[in-house]
Amino acid sequence: MKLLETASKKADSAEVYEVKGSSIPVKFSSGELESVKHVETTGAALRVIDGGKLGFSTTTDPENLTEVVDHAIETANFGEEADFEFPDRLDLKEVNTFDRKIAELEANDLIKRGEEVIE
């Protein structure tokens, strides 16, 4: 987690939320296949406490760490007083919510299921 490491060097404390995903939206209109896309998403949200105030910034560019941190610190200048602390790092038990069968579905599988629903 390079973003957290970078932010921790510049701000009093920091918290990062990262999301990565992949989807295949299949759209039907009037019973006919209209579009199929493959969408990859990656993003991160950074909250910092700096000078006792809360700052925030987001990015979809994982190479742009310094700018994201700088923006979060800048917003802290105008942020609300932070009357809390971010939690320490914890080693938490992993919760298995991933279903490989769903992840392995391809566009043709989704189109077929859509056609079945329409029928």
C-alpha atoms as a PDB file:
ATOM      1  CA  MET A   1       0.000   0.000   0.000  1.00  0.00           C
ATOM      2  CA  LYS A   2       2.265   2.717  -1.280  1.00  0.00           C
ATOM      3  CA  LEU A   3      -0.390   5.421  -0.926  1.00  0.00           C
ATOM      4  CA  LEU A   4      -0.684   4.855   2.818  1.00  0.00           C
ATOM      5  CA  GLU A   5       3.082   4.842   3.238  1.00  0.00           C
ATOM      6  CA  THR A   6       3.442   8.085   1.261  1.00  0.00           C
ATOM      7  CA  ALA A   7       0.623   9.787   3.175  1.00  0.00           C
ATOM      8  CA  SER A   8       1.961   8.647   6.555  1.00  0.00           C
ATOM      9  CA  LYS A   9       5.262  10.417   5.837  1.00  0.00           C
ATOM     10  CA  LYS A  10       3.564  13.759   5.090  1.00  0.00           C
ATOM     11  CA  ALA A  11       0.449  13.871   7.305  1.00  0.00           C
ATOM     12  CA  ASP A  12      -0.054  13.240  11.000  1.00  0.00           C
ATOM     13  CA  SER A  13      -2.121  10.117  10.205  1.00  0.00           C
ATOM     14  CA  ALA A  14      -3.832   8.577   7.214  1.00  0.00           C
ATOM     15  CA  GLU A  15      -6.396   6.025   6.089  1.00  0.00           C
ATOM     16  CA  VAL A  16      -6.776   4.509   2.598  1.00  0.00           C
ATOM     17  CA  TYR A  17      -9.720   2.751   0.979  1.00  0.00           C
ATOM     18  CA  GLU A  18      -8.847   0.962  -2.259  1.00  0.00           C
ATOM     19  CA  VAL A  19     -11.193  -0.680  -4.724  1.00  0.00           C
ATOM     20  CA  LYS A  20     -10.468  -2.808  -7.779  1.00  0.00           C
ATOM     21  CA  GLY A  21     -13.111  -4.434  -9.892  1.00  0.00           C
ATOM     22  CA  SER A  22     -14.091  -5.887 -13.202  1.00  0.00           C
ATOM     23  CA  SER A  23     -17.535  -6.193 -14.743  1.00  0.00           C
ATOM     24  CA  ILE A  24     -19.238  -7.110 -18.001  1.00  0.00           C
ATOM     25  CA  PRO A  25     -22.445  -5.093 -18.376  1.00  0.00           C
ATOM     26  CA  VAL A  26     -24.752  -6.734 -20.937  1.00  0.00           C
ATOM     27  CA  LYS A  27     -27.634  -4.513 -22.062  1.00  0.00           C
ATOM     28  CA  PHE A  28     -30.789  -5.604 -23.844  1.00  0.00           C
ATOM     29  CA  SER A  29     -33.369  -3.232 -25.321  1.00  0.00           C
ATOM     30  CA  SER A  30     -36.736  -4.278 -26.720  1.00  0.00           C
ATOM     31  CA  GLY A  31     -35.696  -7.915 -26.408  1.00  0.00           C
ATOM     32  CA  GLU A  32     -32.529  -7.451 -28.480  1.00  0.00           C
ATOM     33  CA  LEU A  33     -28.900  -7.339 -27.417  1.00  0.00           C
ATOM     34  CA  GLU A  34     -27.859  -3.684 -27.433  1.00  0.00           C
ATOM     35  CA  SER A  35     -24.328  -3.665 -26.000  1.00  0.00           C
ATOM     36  CA  VAL A  36     -21.645  -5.638 -24.196  1.00  0.00           C
ATOM     37  CA  LYS A  37     -18.726  -3.967 -22.446  1.00  0.00           C
ATOM     38  CA  HIS A  38     -15.814  -4.999 -20.300  1.00  0.00           C
ATOM     39  CA  VAL A  39     -15.188  -2.465 -17.531  1.00  0.00           C
ATOM     40  CA  GLU A  40     -12.139  -2.403 -15.235  1.00  0.00           C
ATOM     41  CA  THR A  41     -12.234  -0.050 -12.251  1.00  0.00           C
ATOM     42  CA  THR A  42      -9.467   0.956  -9.899  1.00  0.00           C
ATOM     43  CA  GLY A  43      -9.521   3.732  -7.364  1.00  0.00           C
ATOM     44  CA  ALA A  44      -8.404   4.898  -3.971  1.00  0.00           C
ATOM     45  CA  ALA A  45      -9.748   7.323  -1.398  1.00  0.00           C
ATOM     46  CA  LEU A  46      -7.392   8.925   1.086  1.00  0.00           C
ATOM     47  CA  ARG A  47      -8.356  10.543   4.370  1.00  0.00           C
ATOM     48  CA  VAL A  48      -5.723  12.343   6.402  1.00  0.00           C
ATOM     49  CA  ILE A  49      -5.625  14.052   9.734  1.00  0.00           C
ATOM     50  CA  ASP A  50      -3.126  16.869   9.595  1.00  0.00           C
ATOM     51  CA  GLY A  51      -2.858  19.650  12.122  1.00  0.00           C
ATOM     52  CA  GLY A  52      -5.897  18.209  13.868  1.00  0.00           C
ATOM     53  CA  LYS A  53      -8.108  18.632  10.797  1.00  0.00           C
ATOM     54  CA  LEU A  54      -9.588  16.122   8.368  1.00  0.00           C
ATOM     55  CA  GLY A  55      -8.605  16.134   4.682  1.00  0.00           C
ATOM     56  CA  PHE A  56      -9.745  13.969   1.764  1.00  0.00           C
ATOM     57  CA  SER A  57      -8.728  13.144  -1.810  1.00  0.00           C
ATOM     58  CA  THR A  58      -9.442  10.434  -4.372  1.00  0.00           C
ATOM     59  CA  THR A  59      -7.731   9.047  -7.453  1.00  0.00           C
ATOM     60  CA  THR A  60      -8.116   6.525 -10.228  1.00  0.00           C
ATOM     61  CA  ASP A  61      -4.418   6.889 -11.149  1.00  0.00           C
ATOM     62  CA  PRO A  62      -2.233   4.602  -9.008  1.00  0.00           C
ATOM     63  CA  GLU A  63       0.930   6.332 -10.297  1.00  0.00           C
ATOM     64  CA  ASN A  64      -0.113   9.759  -8.963  1.00  0.00           C
ATOM     65  CA  LEU A  65       0.477   9.200  -5.248  1.00  0.00           C
ATOM     66  CA  THR A  66       2.230  12.446  -4.324  1.00  0.00           C
ATOM     67  CA  GLU A  67      -0.491  14.614  -5.865  1.00  0.00           C
ATOM     68  CA  VAL A  68      -3.257  12.691  -4.082  1.00  0.00           C
ATOM     69  CA  VAL A  69      -1.494  13.087  -0.744  1.00  0.00           C
ATOM     70  CA  ASP A  70      -0.804  16.779  -1.360  1.00  0.00           C
ATOM     71  CA  HIS A  71      -4.470  17.390  -2.244  1.00  0.00           C
ATOM     72  CA  ALA A  72      -5.670  15.615   0.898  1.00  0.00           C
ATOM     73  CA  ILE A  73      -3.326  17.691   3.052  1.00  0.00           C
ATOM     74  CA  GLU A  74      -4.457  20.891   1.303  1.00  0.00           C
ATOM     75  CA  THR A  75      -8.103  20.079   2.034  1.00  0.00           C
ATOM     76  CA  ALA A  76      -7.218  19.490   5.678  1.00  0.00           C
ATOM     77  CA  ASN A  77      -6.418  23.217   5.895  1.00  0.00           C
ATOM     78  CA  PHE A  78     -10.148  23.826   5.392  1.00  0.00           C
ATOM     79  CA  GLY A  79     -11.418  20.612   6.969  1.00  0.00           C
ATOM     80  CA  GLU A  80     -13.427  19.907  10.069  1.00  0.00           C
ATOM     81  CA  GLU A  81     -11.673  19.362  13.365  1.00  0.00           C
ATOM     82  CA  ALA A  82     -10.884  15.649  13.670  1.00  0.00           C
ATOM     83  CA  ASP A  83     -12.026  14.609  17.138  1.00  0.00           C
ATOM     84  CA  PHE A  84     -11.128  10.976  16.435  1.00  0.00           C
ATOM     85  CA  GLU A  85      -8.161   8.847  15.393  1.00  0.00           C
ATOM     86  CA  PHE A  86      -7.862   6.345  12.587  1.00  0.00           C
ATOM     87  CA  PRO A  87      -7.583   2.745  13.808  1.00  0.00           C
ATOM     88  CA  ASP A  88      -4.186   1.063  13.926  1.00  0.00           C
ATOM     89  CA  ARG A  89      -3.393  -1.608  11.393  1.00  0.00           C
ATOM     90  CA  LEU A  90      -5.047  -4.868  12.348  1.00  0.00           C
ATOM     91  CA  ASP A  91      -4.458  -8.406  11.186  1.00  0.00           C
ATOM     92  CA  LEU A  92      -8.035  -9.420  10.521  1.00  0.00           C
ATOM     93  CA  LYS A  93      -9.359 -12.805   9.519  1.00  0.00           C
ATOM     94  CA  GLU A  94     -10.175 -12.906   5.817  1.00  0.00           C
ATOM     95  CA  VAL A  95     -13.863 -13.274   4.998  1.00  0.00           C
ATOM     96  CA  ASN A  96     -14.422 -15.363   1.887  1.00  0.00           C
ATOM     97  CA  THR A  97     -17.047 -13.595  -0.215  1.00  0.00           C
ATOM     98  CA  PHE A  98     -15.566 -14.419  -3.625  1.00  0.00           C
ATOM     99  CA  ASP A  99     -17.374 -16.890  -5.878  1.00  0.00           C
ATOM    100  CA  ARG A 100     -15.041 -18.163  -8.594  1.00  0.00           C
ATOM    101  CA  LYS A 101     -18.009 -19.452 -10.691  1.00  0.00           C
ATOM    102  CA  ILE A 102     -19.370 -15.905 -10.985  1.00  0.00           C
ATOM    103  CA  ALA A 103     -15.949 -14.424 -11.750  1.00  0.00           C
ATOM    104  CA  GLU A 104     -15.386 -16.930 -14.536  1.00  0.00           C
ATOM    105  CA  LEU A 105     -18.589 -16.009 -16.388  1.00  0.00           C
ATOM    106  CA  GLU A 106     -17.837 -14.595 -19.815  1.00  0.00           C
ATOM    107  CA  ALA A 107     -19.799 -12.234 -22.024  1.00  0.00           C
ATOM    108  CA  ASN A 108     -21.365 -15.132 -23.980  1.00  0.00           C
ATOM    109  CA  ASP A 109     -22.620 -16.694 -20.729  1.00  0.00           C
ATOM    110  CA  LEU A 110     -24.238 -13.415 -19.703  1.00  0.00           C
ATOM    111  CA  ILE A 111     -25.789 -12.870 -23.132  1.00  0.00           C
ATOM    112  CA  LYS A 112     -27.252 -16.392 -23.032  1.00  0.00           C
ATOM    113  CA  ARG A 113     -28.733 -15.799 -19.571  1.00  0.00           C
ATOM    114  CA  GLY A 114     -30.190 -12.489 -20.709  1.00  0.00           C
ATOM    115  CA  GLU A 115     -31.815 -14.157 -23.705  1.00  0.00           C
ATOM    116  CA  GLU A 116     -33.259 -16.854 -21.417  1.00  0.00           C
ATOM    117  CA  VAL A 117     -34.796 -14.201 -19.190  1.00  0.00           C
ATOM    118  CA  ILE A 118     -36.326 -12.437 -22.204  1.00  0.00           C
ATOM    119  CA  GLU A 119     -37.828 -15.700 -23.506  1.00  0.00           C
END
